[in-house]
N, C-alpha and C. Protein backbone atom coordinates (compact mmCIF):
# COMPACT_ATOMS: atom_id res chain seq x y z
N MET A 1 -81.06 -43.14 3.31
CA MET A 1 -82.05 -42.81 2.10
C MET A 1 -83.04 -41.95 2.35
N ASN A 2 -83.12 -40.91 1.56
CA ASN A 2 -84.11 -39.87 1.83
C ASN A 2 -85.42 -40.10 1.31
N PHE A 3 -85.66 -41.20 0.79
CA PHE A 3 -87.09 -41.47 0.21
C PHE A 3 -88.14 -41.80 1.58
N LYS A 4 -89.07 -41.21 1.46
CA LYS A 4 -90.21 -41.63 2.51
C LYS A 4 -91.50 -41.71 1.62
N PRO A 5 -92.31 -43.01 1.95
CA PRO A 5 -93.51 -43.20 1.33
C PRO A 5 -94.45 -42.02 1.79
N LYS A 6 -95.55 -41.86 0.84
CA LYS A 6 -96.72 -41.14 0.94
C LYS A 6 -97.46 -41.74 2.00
N PRO A 7 -98.10 -40.74 2.82
CA PRO A 7 -99.21 -41.22 3.75
C PRO A 7 -100.25 -42.10 3.11
N THR A 8 -100.91 -43.09 3.53
CA THR A 8 -101.90 -43.82 3.10
C THR A 8 -103.17 -43.01 2.97
N ARG A 9 -103.34 -42.93 1.60
CA ARG A 9 -104.58 -42.38 1.22
C ARG A 9 -106.11 -42.96 1.42
N LYS A 10 -107.19 -42.21 0.94
CA LYS A 10 -108.70 -42.83 1.07
C LYS A 10 -108.32 -43.72 -0.19
N LYS A 11 -109.45 -44.81 -0.07
CA LYS A 11 -109.37 -45.68 -1.19
C LYS A 11 -109.82 -45.02 -2.63
N VAL A 12 -109.17 -45.22 -3.35
CA VAL A 12 -109.74 -44.85 -4.71
C VAL A 12 -109.87 -46.04 -5.70
N GLN A 13 -110.52 -45.88 -6.83
CA GLN A 13 -110.47 -46.78 -7.99
C GLN A 13 -109.03 -47.30 -8.25
N ALA A 14 -108.96 -48.69 -8.12
CA ALA A 14 -107.43 -49.17 -8.39
C ALA A 14 -107.70 -50.53 -9.20
N THR A 15 -106.48 -50.92 -9.65
CA THR A 15 -106.41 -52.23 -10.39
C THR A 15 -105.30 -53.14 -9.65
N SER A 16 -105.70 -54.37 -9.41
CA SER A 16 -104.59 -55.32 -8.98
C SER A 16 -103.79 -56.08 -9.84
N ARG A 17 -102.46 -55.93 -9.71
CA ARG A 17 -101.64 -56.72 -10.38
C ARG A 17 -100.50 -57.48 -9.73
N SER A 18 -100.16 -58.59 -10.48
CA SER A 18 -99.08 -59.29 -9.83
C SER A 18 -97.77 -58.89 -10.44
N ILE A 19 -96.77 -58.80 -9.75
CA ILE A 19 -95.30 -58.74 -10.34
C ILE A 19 -94.39 -59.64 -9.69
N TYR A 20 -93.20 -59.82 -10.43
CA TYR A 20 -92.37 -60.95 -9.87
C TYR A 20 -91.14 -59.77 -9.85
N MET A 21 -90.45 -60.10 -8.65
CA MET A 21 -89.23 -59.32 -8.25
C MET A 21 -88.24 -60.30 -7.54
N ARG A 22 -86.88 -60.00 -7.69
CA ARG A 22 -85.85 -60.62 -6.67
C ARG A 22 -86.12 -60.65 -5.37
N ASP A 23 -85.69 -61.84 -4.80
CA ASP A 23 -85.98 -61.79 -3.31
C ASP A 23 -85.38 -60.60 -2.53
N GLU A 24 -84.03 -60.17 -3.09
CA GLU A 24 -83.32 -59.30 -2.59
C GLU A 24 -84.10 -57.73 -2.59
N LEU A 25 -84.73 -57.49 -3.76
CA LEU A 25 -85.57 -56.24 -3.62
C LEU A 25 -86.75 -56.53 -2.88
N TYR A 26 -87.46 -57.48 -2.86
CA TYR A 26 -88.55 -57.63 -2.08
C TYR A 26 -88.18 -57.36 -0.52
N ALA A 27 -87.02 -57.99 0.11
CA ALA A 27 -86.60 -57.57 1.26
C ALA A 27 -86.41 -56.31 1.56
N LYS A 28 -85.83 -55.40 0.57
CA LYS A 28 -85.44 -53.99 0.70
C LYS A 28 -86.89 -53.23 0.90
N LEU A 29 -87.65 -53.44 -0.06
CA LEU A 29 -89.10 -52.76 -0.12
C LEU A 29 -89.73 -53.13 1.11
N SER A 30 -89.81 -54.41 1.72
CA SER A 30 -90.07 -54.81 2.95
C SER A 30 -89.84 -53.98 4.02
N GLN A 31 -88.44 -53.81 4.14
CA GLN A 31 -87.78 -53.30 5.26
C GLN A 31 -88.24 -51.71 5.50
N ILE A 32 -88.27 -50.90 4.10
CA ILE A 32 -88.61 -49.58 4.24
C ILE A 32 -90.18 -49.54 4.67
N ALA A 33 -91.00 -50.48 4.56
CA ALA A 33 -92.39 -50.55 4.82
C ALA A 33 -92.48 -50.76 6.62
N VAL A 34 -91.59 -51.46 6.97
CA VAL A 34 -91.54 -51.51 8.38
C VAL A 34 -90.67 -50.23 8.87
N ASP A 35 -89.82 -49.73 8.54
CA ASP A 35 -89.40 -48.49 8.90
C ASP A 35 -90.08 -47.45 9.02
N ASN A 36 -91.15 -47.35 8.04
CA ASN A 36 -92.05 -46.40 8.10
C ASN A 36 -93.39 -46.55 8.47
N ASN A 37 -93.44 -47.71 8.93
CA ASN A 37 -94.82 -48.17 9.64
C ASN A 37 -95.80 -48.10 8.67
N THR A 38 -95.66 -48.54 7.33
CA THR A 38 -96.71 -48.63 6.35
C THR A 38 -96.78 -49.79 5.68
N SER A 39 -97.48 -50.00 4.47
CA SER A 39 -97.48 -51.23 3.88
C SER A 39 -96.78 -51.44 2.90
N PHE A 40 -96.42 -52.59 2.31
CA PHE A 40 -95.53 -52.69 1.39
C PHE A 40 -96.00 -52.44 0.00
N ASN A 41 -97.34 -52.37 -0.04
CA ASN A 41 -97.90 -51.79 -1.27
C ASN A 41 -97.91 -50.39 -1.29
N ASN A 42 -97.74 -49.71 -0.25
CA ASN A 42 -97.83 -48.08 -0.22
C ASN A 42 -96.37 -47.75 -0.70
N VAL A 43 -95.40 -48.66 -0.34
CA VAL A 43 -93.86 -48.12 -0.52
C VAL A 43 -93.66 -48.30 -2.08
N VAL A 44 -94.33 -49.29 -2.59
CA VAL A 44 -94.08 -49.69 -4.13
C VAL A 44 -94.86 -48.49 -4.96
N ILE A 45 -96.05 -48.14 -4.38
CA ILE A 45 -96.83 -47.25 -5.29
C ILE A 45 -95.93 -46.03 -5.01
N SER A 46 -95.76 -45.43 -3.99
CA SER A 46 -95.00 -44.26 -3.83
C SER A 46 -93.82 -44.06 -4.46
N ILE A 47 -93.02 -45.09 -4.62
CA ILE A 47 -91.80 -45.11 -5.45
C ILE A 47 -92.14 -44.87 -6.98
N LEU A 48 -93.17 -45.67 -7.54
CA LEU A 48 -93.57 -45.34 -8.64
C LEU A 48 -94.13 -43.95 -9.14
N GLU A 49 -94.81 -43.48 -8.01
CA GLU A 49 -95.41 -42.36 -8.36
C GLU A 49 -94.38 -41.03 -8.25
N GLU A 50 -93.51 -41.24 -7.29
CA GLU A 50 -92.29 -40.40 -7.35
C GLU A 50 -91.28 -40.45 -8.53
N PHE A 51 -91.16 -41.58 -9.09
CA PHE A 51 -90.58 -41.71 -10.51
C PHE A 51 -91.03 -41.03 -11.71
N LEU A 52 -92.50 -41.52 -11.71
CA LEU A 52 -93.24 -40.64 -12.68
C LEU A 52 -93.26 -39.24 -12.84
N GLN A 53 -93.31 -38.75 -11.56
CA GLN A 53 -93.45 -37.31 -11.37
C GLN A 53 -92.07 -36.67 -11.78
N GLN A 54 -90.99 -37.41 -11.25
CA GLN A 54 -89.86 -36.67 -11.84
C GLN A 54 -89.57 -36.85 -13.16
N GLN A 55 -90.12 -37.91 -13.97
CA GLN A 55 -90.07 -37.92 -15.36
C GLN A 55 -90.92 -37.00 -16.17
N GLU A 56 -91.78 -36.60 -15.37
CA GLU A 56 -92.65 -35.42 -16.07
C GLU A 56 -91.95 -33.94 -15.94
N GLU A 57 -91.14 -34.01 -14.82
CA GLU A 57 -90.49 -32.70 -14.75
C GLU A 57 -89.48 -32.45 -15.68
N LYS A 58 -88.85 -33.43 -16.30
CA LYS A 58 -87.87 -33.37 -17.06
C LYS A 58 -88.08 -32.82 -18.41
């Protein structure tokens, strides 16, 4: 996989939300976090930001 999470940034104003996902998806995202020595949250946010950036470029 070529995806790399962004480095953890300084704290910015943010909103907390709960999401529900399949156990298999959670396991995959958690493993990416472990492999990159970062948090689960950082992985999810990095993926979402990358997706939105790609959509804006289209």
